[in-house]
Amino acid sequence: MMNRIKAPMAAFAAMVVLSGCNLLDVDNPNSLVEASIRQEAAANGVANGSLQLVSEAVADLWEGPEVASDNLQWIGSRDAWGSLDEGAVADPNNEFLDSAFPTLGRGVWMAQNAVEILEGHVAENPGVDAFVLDRARAYMFRGLILMVVAESQQDMTFSYKMTDGPAVSTGNATIGSEEFGATPVASMDAVMDLAITSLARAKTDFEALAEDDLALDATALLARAEMSEEIMSARNSAGGALAFADALPYANEVLTAAGAAADYKFNLNYSSASSGCDLCGNISDRKENQFDLSLVTVDASENVDGIALMDPITGTDDLALIDALAQFRGGSHLDAGTSFVPLTVASARLMNLIVAEHELATNGGGAGSGFEAAINALRDIDDSDAGYDFASDGVAANDVAILQHHRRVNTLLQGLRLQDMYRWGLTPTDAGSGPANRWQPGSTAVTAPGTMLPITIIECRANNFLDGNTCANTGG
C-alpha cells in the first residue's frame, strides 16, 4: 500500500519541479491590498470605510469619559471601569482606555487616508461631481474624528503606517503623509483647528453641489467644534457661561435650515453589518455600566424602571432625558436596548444650547432675554405648550443652573459631559448607598481637573517616541 502511494506522489513532485510551479504562489481574487482602495472605482467605498472606522472609534472613545462623568456608572465586574468611575481618567494602563486607543488610531488614519486618496481623484478628474462629493464626505469624517480627539484626549500621537509619530505635547506632531503634505499639530488646540478647517471645507463643497442635507450636517459639526474649542480653554476654570462667538453663526444657520422646534440630529449609526458600538453593548447587553442613578431608577436586576431626574420647571419626569434614553434603547426609555443604536454627535438641541449659553454670557438672563428665548426654543422640541416654558428670574446662579441641567439632558452620551463637569466644578454624586462623590480624593479628576484621556500603554510600547513603561516622551 505504501509503495502504491509513494509512486504517484513522486510523479506529482517531479511534475511540479519540472514545471517550475510554486504551490504557494496563488492569486486570491478576494484579497485586497492598499493599491485596491486607491483605484477610482473604490472612491465611494473609501469614504464609506472612513465613516465606518470613525464611527467605531467614537463609540469606543466616548465610553471612558462618560463613565468618569455622572452620565454612566459602573455596575459590572471589570475593575477598570470602576477606576474610571472613581476619577482615574489618566491611567495609561486602564484596559478599556487601552483597548479603545488602537480603534481610535485606525479611525484617524483611515479618515486622513481617505482625504488624500480622494484629493488625488479630484485632481485627476476635474469637474467630476461624484469625486468632489466623496472628497467632501471624507473631509467631514476627518473633521469629525479630529474634533472628538481634541475634545476627549489630553495627548495624542499620529503615526503613519510603519512610521512612529511623536506626541502632540512635544510640539512636533504632524498629521498626514509627506507626499500629501503633513500638517503640523503642535497642540490639541491645533488638532481642533484642523478639525474645523476640514469641516469648513466639507461644508463649502456640499453647498457648491447643492447637497443641502450634508451641508447641514457639516454646519452642525462646525458649530460643535467651535463650541468645544472654547470649552477646551475653560475645562479647569469652574466658571459660569461661555461666549461662543465663533460657533454662534453656525448654530443659528442650522436652526434656520432645520426649522423651528425641529428635532434635527446628526447621528452615527451602528449595525452588525457595519460598525460596532461597544459603548452600546456594555450598557444594554453586558451591563458593565448603567445610566447614573441621579438620572434613572433601576430594579433589582439593574434594569431602568423610571426617571430620577425631574424637570426643573414642571417637577415631572424630564422629557429631554426620556427622549435621549428612548433613542439609546431603540424604543421606549424603559426597554432593554440593543448593541446597535445611533449615537448623536450634533443636533438642533445642541445648537439651541450654544445660542442660550452665548446669550447668557454676553447679555445675561431675565424676563424676555435671549437666554430665556433660546431655552424655551429648546424646550419646545419636547413640548410647545406654554405651561412647559421657562421664565428667567435674572438671578445669575439660577440661570446657570438651568443651563447646566439642559446641557446634561440634551447631550446625554455625546462625549461632552466630563468637560462640562470640569468647567463648572461639578462632581458625580451617588444617589444610592455609596459615597457622596465617587471621584476619589487622589484621583486625577480631583487633583488635576480638566485632564482628559491619555496616550495608552499599547501605543507607548510600540512607539519609539514614548517610554514603554511610563509613557513619557523620549524624543525617539
Protein backbone atom coordinates (compact mmCIF):
# COMPACT_ATOMS: atom_id res chain seq x y z
CA MET A 1 0.00 0.00 0.00
CA MET A 2 2.85 2.40 0.87
CA ASN A 3 4.53 1.82 -2.46
CA ARG A 4 1.30 2.48 -4.33
CA ILE A 5 1.01 5.87 -2.55
CA LYS A 6 4.65 6.81 -3.00
CA ALA A 7 4.71 6.31 -6.75
CA PRO A 8 2.00 8.83 -7.71
CA MET A 9 3.32 11.31 -5.16
CA ALA A 10 6.80 11.07 -6.64
CA ALA A 11 5.41 11.60 -10.13
CA PHE A 12 3.47 14.64 -8.93
CA ALA A 13 6.56 16.08 -7.23
CA ALA A 14 8.57 15.61 -10.41
CA MET A 15 5.89 17.38 -12.44
CA VAL A 16 5.97 20.32 -10.03
CA VAL A 17 9.76 20.58 -10.14
CA LEU A 18 9.98 20.28 -13.93
CA SER A 19 7.24 22.87 -14.48
CA GLY A 20 8.78 25.36 -12.06
CA CYS A 21 5.43 25.60 -10.23
CA ASN A 22 5.30 27.01 -6.70
CA LEU A 23 2.28 25.59 -4.87
CA LEU A 24 2.22 28.62 -2.58
CA ASP A 25 2.18 31.10 -5.47
CA VAL A 26 -1.54 31.57 -5.91
CA ASP A 27 -3.76 34.56 -6.59
CA ASN A 28 -6.67 35.07 -4.19
CA PRO A 29 -9.37 37.07 -6.00
CA ASN A 30 -10.78 38.14 -2.61
CA SER A 31 -7.57 39.67 -1.26
CA LEU A 32 -7.29 43.46 -1.11
CA VAL A 33 -4.09 45.44 -0.99
CA GLU A 34 -3.61 49.17 -0.43
CA ALA A 35 -3.44 49.78 -4.17
CA SER A 36 -7.00 48.45 -4.44
CA ILE A 37 -8.52 51.26 -2.43
CA ARG A 38 -6.59 53.85 -4.42
CA GLN A 39 -8.45 52.92 -7.60
CA GLU A 40 -11.03 55.41 -8.80
CA ALA A 41 -13.73 52.74 -8.76
CA ALA A 42 -13.27 52.46 -4.99
CA ALA A 43 -13.74 56.18 -4.27
CA ASN A 44 -17.18 55.86 -2.68
CA GLY A 45 -16.06 52.81 -0.73
CA VAL A 46 -13.11 54.76 0.67
CA ALA A 47 -15.41 57.46 2.02
CA ASN A 48 -17.77 54.84 3.42
CA GLY A 49 -14.87 52.99 5.02
CA SER A 50 -13.77 56.19 6.68
CA LEU A 51 -17.25 56.66 8.15
CA GLN A 52 -17.30 53.07 9.43
CA LEU A 53 -13.96 53.25 11.24
CA VAL A 54 -14.63 56.76 12.55
CA SER A 55 -17.99 55.61 13.94
CA GLU A 56 -16.39 52.68 15.77
CA ALA A 57 -13.67 54.92 17.16
CA VAL A 58 -16.14 57.47 18.50
CA ALA A 59 -18.21 54.82 20.31
CA ASP A 60 -15.09 53.25 21.85
CA LEU A 61 -13.53 56.54 22.86
CA TRP A 62 -16.61 58.15 24.38
CA GLU A 63 -17.34 55.38 26.87
CA GLY A 64 -14.35 56.15 29.10
CA PRO A 65 -15.16 59.80 29.83
CA GLU A 66 -18.89 59.02 30.01
CA VAL A 67 -18.23 56.51 32.83
CA ALA A 68 -15.95 59.02 34.56
CA SER A 69 -18.76 61.58 34.35
CA ASP A 70 -22.17 61.41 36.02
CA ASN A 71 -23.84 60.12 32.85
CA LEU A 72 -22.84 56.50 33.44
CA GLN A 73 -21.73 54.49 36.43
CA TRP A 74 -20.03 51.13 36.78
CA ILE A 75 -22.23 48.23 37.90
CA GLY A 76 -20.36 45.22 36.47
CA SER A 77 -17.36 43.06 37.28
CA ARG A 78 -14.48 44.69 35.40
CA ASP A 79 -12.45 46.84 37.79
CA ALA A 80 -11.04 49.13 35.10
CA TRP A 81 -14.50 50.62 34.61
CA GLY A 82 -14.64 51.16 38.36
CA SER A 83 -11.35 53.06 38.24
CA LEU A 84 -12.78 55.45 35.67
CA ASP A 85 -15.94 55.80 37.75
CA GLU A 86 -13.70 56.91 40.63
CA GLY A 87 -11.96 59.58 38.55
CA ALA A 88 -8.78 57.79 37.40
CA VAL A 89 -9.01 59.23 33.89
CA ALA A 90 -5.27 59.49 33.15
CA ASP A 91 -4.14 55.89 33.70
CA PRO A 92 -2.45 54.64 30.50
CA ASN A 93 -2.76 51.05 31.77
CA ASN A 94 -6.55 51.11 32.07
CA GLU A 95 -7.60 48.15 29.93
CA PHE A 96 -10.64 49.83 28.42
CA LEU A 97 -8.91 53.08 27.53
CA ASP A 98 -6.09 50.92 26.15
CA SER A 99 -8.42 48.78 24.02
CA ALA A 100 -10.05 51.91 22.58
CA PHE A 101 -6.77 53.53 21.53
CA PRO A 102 -6.00 51.28 18.52
CA THR A 103 -9.57 51.73 17.28
CA LEU A 104 -9.08 55.47 17.55
CA GLY A 105 -5.78 55.25 15.68
CA ARG A 106 -7.38 53.26 12.86
CA GLY A 107 -10.22 55.75 12.59
CA VAL A 108 -7.87 58.73 12.41
CA TRP A 109 -5.59 57.03 9.88
CA MET A 110 -8.42 55.96 7.59
CA ALA A 111 -10.03 59.40 7.76
CA GLN A 112 -6.76 61.05 6.74
CA ASN A 113 -6.03 58.43 4.09
CA ALA A 114 -9.47 58.92 2.56
CA VAL A 115 -8.88 62.65 2.23
CA GLU A 116 -5.54 62.08 0.49
CA ILE A 117 -6.91 59.44 -1.89
CA LEU A 118 -9.95 61.48 -2.86
CA GLU A 119 -7.95 64.67 -3.31
CA GLY A 120 -5.97 62.72 -5.88
CA HIS A 121 -9.08 61.57 -7.73
CA VAL A 122 -10.50 65.11 -7.87
CA ALA A 123 -7.19 66.48 -9.14
CA GLU A 124 -7.04 63.86 -11.90
CA ASN A 125 -10.73 64.21 -12.83
CA PRO A 126 -11.62 67.90 -12.69
CA GLY A 127 -15.32 68.62 -12.86
CA VAL A 128 -16.49 65.13 -11.83
CA ASP A 129 -19.03 65.84 -9.10
CA ALA A 130 -19.07 62.27 -7.77
CA PHE A 131 -15.43 62.55 -6.74
CA VAL A 132 -15.98 66.01 -5.24
CA LEU A 133 -18.87 64.65 -3.18
CA ASP A 134 -16.86 61.73 -1.85
CA ARG A 135 -13.97 64.09 -1.07
CA ALA A 136 -16.32 66.38 0.86
CA ARG A 137 -17.61 63.41 2.86
CA ALA A 138 -14.03 62.38 3.59
CA TYR A 139 -13.22 65.88 4.87
CA MET A 140 -16.33 65.80 7.07
CA PHE A 141 -15.37 62.46 8.62
CA ARG A 142 -11.78 63.62 9.17
CA GLY A 143 -13.11 66.77 10.82
CA LEU A 144 -15.45 64.71 13.00
CA ILE A 145 -12.79 62.32 14.32
CA LEU A 146 -10.23 65.07 14.90
CA MET A 147 -12.89 67.08 16.78
CA VAL A 148 -13.57 64.10 19.04
CA VAL A 149 -9.83 63.55 19.57
CA ALA A 150 -9.33 67.18 20.60
CA GLU A 151 -12.35 67.06 22.92
CA SER A 152 -11.51 63.75 24.59
CA GLN A 153 -7.74 63.28 24.57
CA GLN A 154 -5.18 65.02 26.76
CA ASP A 155 -2.49 63.96 24.30
CA MET A 156 -2.32 62.01 21.05
CA THR A 157 0.06 60.51 18.51
CA PHE A 158 -0.48 60.46 14.75
CA SER A 159 1.72 57.73 13.31
CA TYR A 160 1.76 56.99 9.58
CA LYS A 161 1.89 53.34 8.53
CA MET A 162 5.15 51.99 10.00
CA THR A 163 6.49 55.42 10.90
CA ASP A 164 6.00 56.44 14.52
CA GLY A 165 4.66 59.89 15.26
CA PRO A 166 5.65 61.98 18.29
CA ALA A 167 3.05 63.03 20.85
CA VAL A 168 1.20 66.28 20.27
CA SER A 169 2.52 67.51 23.63
CA THR A 170 6.06 67.59 22.23
CA GLY A 171 5.05 70.28 19.74
CA ASN A 172 6.42 68.15 16.90
CA ALA A 173 3.40 66.10 15.80
CA THR A 174 2.04 66.10 12.25
CA ILE A 175 -0.97 64.55 10.55
CA GLY A 176 -0.78 63.06 7.07
CA SER A 177 1.80 61.69 4.68
CA GLU A 178 4.84 63.59 3.45
CA GLU A 179 3.63 63.11 -0.12
CA PHE A 180 0.35 64.87 0.66
CA GLY A 181 1.97 67.48 2.86
CA ALA A 182 1.86 66.63 6.55
CA THR A 183 0.07 69.23 8.68
CA PRO A 184 1.82 70.30 11.92
CA VAL A 185 -0.33 69.97 15.07
CA ALA A 186 1.70 71.39 17.93
CA SER A 187 -1.16 71.32 20.47
CA MET A 188 -4.61 69.86 20.97
CA ASP A 189 -5.96 73.29 20.00
CA ALA A 190 -4.18 72.84 16.67
CA VAL A 191 -5.86 69.44 16.28
CA MET A 192 -9.22 71.16 16.79
CA ASP A 193 -8.24 73.88 14.32
CA LEU A 194 -7.57 71.21 11.68
CA ALA A 195 -10.94 69.63 12.50
CA ILE A 196 -12.62 73.00 11.95
CA THR A 197 -10.74 73.56 8.67
CA SER A 198 -11.78 70.10 7.46
CA LEU A 199 -15.45 70.64 8.34
CA ALA A 200 -15.46 74.07 6.70
CA ARG A 201 -14.01 72.53 3.52
CA ALA A 202 -16.74 69.88 3.55
CA LYS A 203 -19.44 72.49 4.07
CA THR A 204 -18.20 74.58 1.13
CA ASP A 205 -18.15 71.58 -1.22
CA PHE A 206 -21.56 70.32 -0.13
CA GLU A 207 -23.06 73.76 -0.71
CA ALA A 208 -21.48 74.01 -4.15
CA LEU A 209 -23.02 70.63 -5.04
CA ALA A 210 -26.42 71.65 -3.59
CA GLU A 211 -26.20 68.76 -1.13
CA ASP A 212 -28.31 70.57 1.44
CA ASP A 213 -28.69 67.76 3.96
CA LEU A 214 -24.96 67.05 4.06
CA ALA A 215 -24.20 70.77 4.24
CA LEU A 216 -26.49 70.96 7.27
CA ASP A 217 -24.58 68.10 8.92
CA ALA A 218 -21.22 69.76 8.29
CA THR A 219 -22.53 73.06 9.64
CA ALA A 220 -23.81 71.42 12.82
CA LEU A 221 -20.47 69.70 13.35
CA LEU A 222 -18.71 73.03 12.78
CA ALA A 223 -20.85 74.62 15.49
CA ARG A 224 -19.93 71.83 17.91
CA ALA A 225 -16.22 72.05 17.07
CA GLU A 226 -16.12 75.82 17.57
CA MET A 227 -18.03 75.45 20.84
CA SER A 228 -15.71 72.72 22.09
CA GLU A 229 -12.59 74.72 21.27
CA GLU A 230 -13.89 77.44 23.59
CA ILE A 231 -14.69 74.88 26.30
CA MET A 232 -11.22 73.33 26.00
CA SER A 233 -9.69 76.56 27.28
CA ALA A 234 -12.06 76.61 30.27
CA ARG A 235 -12.06 72.98 31.40
CA ASN A 236 -10.40 73.74 34.73
CA SER A 237 -11.92 77.16 35.37
CA ALA A 238 -15.11 76.25 37.33
CA GLY A 239 -16.73 79.32 35.83
CA GLY A 240 -20.17 80.25 34.51
CA ALA A 241 -21.48 80.63 30.97
CA LEU A 242 -19.13 80.95 27.99
CA ALA A 243 -19.47 83.16 24.92
CA PHE A 244 -19.45 81.12 21.71
CA ALA A 245 -18.95 83.87 19.15
CA ASP A 246 -17.38 81.56 16.55
CA ALA A 247 -19.95 78.78 16.99
CA LEU A 248 -22.98 81.07 17.10
CA PRO A 249 -23.37 81.79 13.34
CA TYR A 250 -23.23 78.08 12.51
CA ALA A 251 -25.71 77.23 15.27
CA ASN A 252 -28.17 79.83 14.01
CA GLU A 253 -27.71 78.62 10.44
CA VAL A 254 -28.62 75.08 11.47
CA LEU A 255 -31.67 76.23 13.43
CA THR A 256 -32.88 78.30 10.48
CA ALA A 257 -32.39 75.47 8.00
CA ALA A 258 -33.88 72.79 10.25
CA GLY A 259 -36.96 74.82 11.15
CA ALA A 260 -38.46 75.93 14.45
CA ALA A 261 -38.80 73.17 17.03
CA ALA A 262 -37.39 70.57 14.62
CA ASP A 263 -35.57 67.75 16.39
CA TYR A 264 -32.75 67.56 13.84
CA LYS A 265 -29.93 65.16 14.74
CA PHE A 266 -26.70 64.11 13.08
CA ASN A 267 -26.26 60.52 14.25
CA LEU A 268 -23.63 57.86 13.80
CA ASN A 269 -25.42 54.58 13.05
CA TYR A 270 -24.32 51.09 14.06
CA SER A 271 -25.30 47.61 12.93
CA SER A 272 -23.98 44.06 12.83
CA ALA A 273 -23.22 44.61 9.14
CA SER A 274 -21.21 47.81 9.54
CA SER A 275 -19.81 49.49 12.64
CA GLY A 276 -19.88 48.02 16.13
CA CYS A 277 -20.79 50.04 19.22
CA ASP A 278 -19.01 48.76 22.33
CA LEU A 279 -20.48 51.59 24.39
CA CYS A 280 -23.97 50.35 23.49
CA GLY A 281 -23.23 46.70 24.23
CA ASN A 282 -21.56 47.38 27.56
CA ILE A 283 -24.73 49.09 28.78
CA SER A 284 -27.52 47.11 27.14
CA ASP A 285 -26.02 43.59 26.90
CA ARG A 286 -23.06 43.13 29.24
CA LYS A 287 -24.35 45.54 31.89
CA GLU A 288 -20.86 46.64 32.84
CA ASN A 289 -22.14 50.20 33.00
CA GLN A 290 -25.54 51.76 33.53
CA PHE A 291 -27.06 55.20 33.39
CA ASP A 292 -26.28 57.13 36.55
CA LEU A 293 -28.71 56.81 39.46
CA SER A 294 -29.07 60.57 39.52
CA LEU A 295 -30.71 60.19 36.08
CA VAL A 296 -32.72 56.97 36.37
CA THR A 297 -34.09 54.47 38.84
CA VAL A 298 -33.36 50.76 38.45
CA ASP A 299 -34.81 47.48 39.68
CA ALA A 300 -33.01 44.67 41.49
CA SER A 301 -31.63 43.42 38.16
CA GLU A 302 -30.18 46.85 37.29
CA ASN A 303 -32.80 47.46 34.59
CA VAL A 304 -34.02 51.04 34.21
CA ASP A 305 -37.55 51.27 35.60
CA GLY A 306 -38.08 55.02 35.92
CA ILE A 307 -36.74 58.58 35.77
CA ALA A 308 -34.90 60.04 38.76
CA LEU A 309 -34.05 63.47 37.36
CA MET A 310 -37.02 65.79 37.32
CA ASP A 311 -37.60 68.74 35.01
CA PRO A 312 -36.65 71.93 36.90
CA ILE A 313 -39.71 73.82 35.64
CA THR A 314 -42.54 71.28 35.86
CA GLY A 315 -41.19 68.97 38.56
CA THR A 316 -42.12 65.96 36.40
CA ASP A 317 -40.01 63.38 34.56
CA ASP A 318 -37.63 65.26 32.28
CA LEU A 319 -38.86 64.92 28.69
CA ALA A 320 -35.47 65.55 27.07
CA LEU A 321 -33.93 62.82 29.20
CA ILE A 322 -36.73 60.44 28.22
CA ASP A 323 -36.09 61.25 24.54
CA ALA A 324 -32.36 60.55 24.88
CA LEU A 325 -32.93 57.28 26.73
CA ALA A 326 -35.57 56.18 24.21
CA GLN A 327 -33.15 56.77 21.33
CA PHE A 328 -30.47 54.76 23.10
CA ARG A 329 -32.87 51.93 23.89
CA GLY A 330 -34.29 51.87 20.37
CA GLY A 331 -37.89 52.31 21.52
CA SER A 332 -39.24 53.14 24.96
CA HIS A 333 -36.84 54.60 27.51
CA LEU A 334 -37.65 51.55 29.68
CA ASP A 335 -36.72 48.97 27.03
CA ALA A 336 -33.69 46.75 27.49
CA GLY A 337 -32.00 48.11 24.36
CA THR A 338 -29.56 46.52 21.93
CA SER A 339 -25.90 46.74 20.98
CA PHE A 340 -26.67 48.73 17.82
CA VAL A 341 -28.31 52.10 18.40
CA PRO A 342 -27.48 55.55 16.95
CA LEU A 343 -25.22 57.97 18.81
CA THR A 344 -25.89 61.68 18.32
CA VAL A 345 -22.92 63.95 17.55
CA ALA A 346 -24.72 67.22 16.75
CA SER A 347 -28.35 68.31 16.93
CA ALA A 348 -30.82 71.18 16.97
CA ARG A 349 -30.83 70.72 20.74
CA LEU A 350 -27.10 71.42 20.91
CA MET A 351 -27.49 74.41 18.60
CA ASN A 352 -30.11 75.91 20.95
CA LEU A 353 -27.77 75.30 23.87
CA ILE A 354 -24.97 77.15 22.08
CA VAL A 355 -27.27 80.12 21.47
CA ALA A 356 -28.58 80.05 25.06
CA GLU A 357 -25.14 79.94 26.68
CA HIS A 358 -23.77 82.65 24.42
CA GLU A 359 -26.74 84.88 25.26
CA LEU A 360 -26.31 84.27 28.99
CA ALA A 361 -22.59 85.00 28.82
CA THR A 362 -22.91 88.17 26.77
CA ASN A 363 -26.30 89.65 27.72
CA GLY A 364 -27.37 87.90 30.91
CA GLY A 365 -30.77 86.43 31.71
CA GLY A 366 -34.06 87.86 32.89
CA ALA A 367 -37.58 88.15 31.52
CA GLY A 368 -37.63 88.49 27.73
CA SER A 369 -33.89 87.81 27.43
CA GLY A 370 -32.25 85.97 24.56
CA PHE A 371 -31.22 83.30 27.05
CA GLU A 372 -34.81 82.70 28.09
CA ALA A 373 -35.94 82.56 24.45
CA ALA A 374 -33.24 80.06 23.48
CA ILE A 375 -34.02 77.76 26.41
CA ASN A 376 -37.69 77.84 25.50
CA ALA A 377 -36.90 77.11 21.85
CA LEU A 378 -35.03 74.06 23.13
CA ARG A 379 -37.90 73.03 25.40
CA ASP A 380 -40.39 73.44 22.55
CA ILE A 381 -38.78 70.44 20.84
CA ASP A 382 -40.27 68.25 23.56
CA ASP A 383 -43.41 70.23 24.44
CA SER A 384 -44.53 73.53 22.90
CA ASP A 385 -47.28 74.08 25.47
CA ALA A 386 -46.92 77.39 27.32
CA GLY A 387 -47.04 75.57 30.64
CA TYR A 388 -43.69 74.00 29.79
CA ASP A 389 -41.97 77.36 29.28
CA PHE A 390 -39.09 78.64 31.40
CA ALA A 391 -39.22 82.12 32.90
CA SER A 392 -35.82 83.55 33.85
CA ASP A 393 -35.74 85.48 37.14
CA GLY A 394 -32.50 87.18 36.16
CA VAL A 395 -30.54 85.67 39.06
CA ALA A 396 -27.24 84.56 37.52
CA ALA A 397 -26.81 81.45 39.67
CA ASN A 398 -30.33 80.28 38.85
CA ASP A 399 -29.84 80.82 35.12
CA VAL A 400 -26.54 78.93 35.15
CA ALA A 401 -28.25 76.05 36.97
CA ILE A 402 -30.94 75.96 34.26
CA LEU A 403 -28.24 75.96 31.58
CA GLN A 404 -26.36 73.14 33.32
CA HIS A 405 -29.47 70.99 33.59
CA HIS A 406 -30.42 71.44 29.95
CA ARG A 407 -26.86 70.77 28.78
CA ARG A 408 -26.85 67.50 30.68
CA VAL A 409 -30.14 66.03 29.50
CA ASN A 410 -29.82 67.23 25.90
CA THR A 411 -26.24 65.97 25.34
CA LEU A 412 -26.51 62.59 27.06
CA LEU A 413 -23.88 60.13 25.74
CA GLN A 414 -22.41 62.66 23.32
CA GLY A 415 -18.91 62.87 24.78
CA LEU A 416 -19.41 66.32 26.33
CA ARG A 417 -20.42 65.80 29.96
CA LEU A 418 -17.00 65.34 31.61
CA GLN A 419 -15.78 68.62 30.10
CA ASP A 420 -18.92 70.36 31.40
CA MET A 421 -18.39 68.94 34.87
CA TYR A 422 -14.81 70.18 34.89
CA ARG A 423 -15.63 73.68 33.75
CA TRP A 424 -18.46 74.06 36.26
CA GLY A 425 -16.74 72.38 39.20
CA LEU A 426 -19.29 69.54 39.34
CA THR A 427 -18.66 66.06 40.76
CA PRO A 428 -20.59 62.79 40.31
CA THR A 429 -22.94 62.02 43.18
CA ASP A 430 -24.24 58.58 44.04
CA ALA A 431 -28.00 58.58 44.54
CA GLY A 432 -27.79 55.10 46.06
CA SER A 433 -25.90 54.00 49.15
CA GLY A 434 -22.38 54.96 48.05
CA PRO A 435 -20.22 57.98 48.81
CA ALA A 436 -21.44 61.47 48.01
CA ASN A 437 -18.67 61.85 45.44
CA ARG A 438 -17.47 58.78 43.53
CA TRP A 439 -14.27 60.54 42.45
CA GLN A 440 -11.63 59.52 44.94
CA PRO A 441 -9.56 62.24 46.71
CA GLY A 442 -6.31 61.24 44.99
CA SER A 443 -7.80 60.69 41.54
CA THR A 444 -6.74 62.79 38.56
CA ALA A 445 -10.27 64.17 38.15
CA VAL A 446 -9.95 65.67 41.64
CA THR A 447 -6.27 66.64 41.76
CA ALA A 448 -5.99 67.89 38.16
CA PRO A 449 -9.48 68.89 36.98
CA GLY A 450 -9.64 69.37 33.25
CA THR A 451 -7.48 66.33 32.50
CA MET A 452 -8.75 64.17 29.66
CA LEU A 453 -7.68 60.75 28.33
CA PRO A 454 -4.01 59.69 27.94
CA ILE A 455 -1.98 58.02 25.25
CA THR A 456 -2.25 54.43 26.46
CA ILE A 457 0.27 51.71 27.11
CA ILE A 458 -0.28 49.79 23.85
CA GLU A 459 0.89 52.86 21.92
CA CYS A 460 3.67 53.66 24.38
CA ARG A 461 5.21 50.21 23.94
CA ALA A 462 5.01 50.37 20.14
CA ASN A 463 6.07 53.99 19.56
CA ASN A 464 9.76 54.87 19.64
CA PHE A 465 8.94 58.40 20.77
CA LEU A 466 7.42 57.11 24.03
CA ASP A 467 8.77 55.19 27.02
CA GLY A 468 7.21 51.72 27.08
CA ASN A 469 6.84 51.72 30.85
CA THR A 470 5.98 55.29 31.82
CA CYS A 471 4.62 56.65 28.50
CA ALA A 472 6.91 59.66 28.93
CA ASN A 473 8.15 61.38 25.77
CA THR A 474 11.63 60.14 24.81
CA GLY A 475 12.31 62.06 21.62
CA GLY A 476 12.55 58.89 19.51
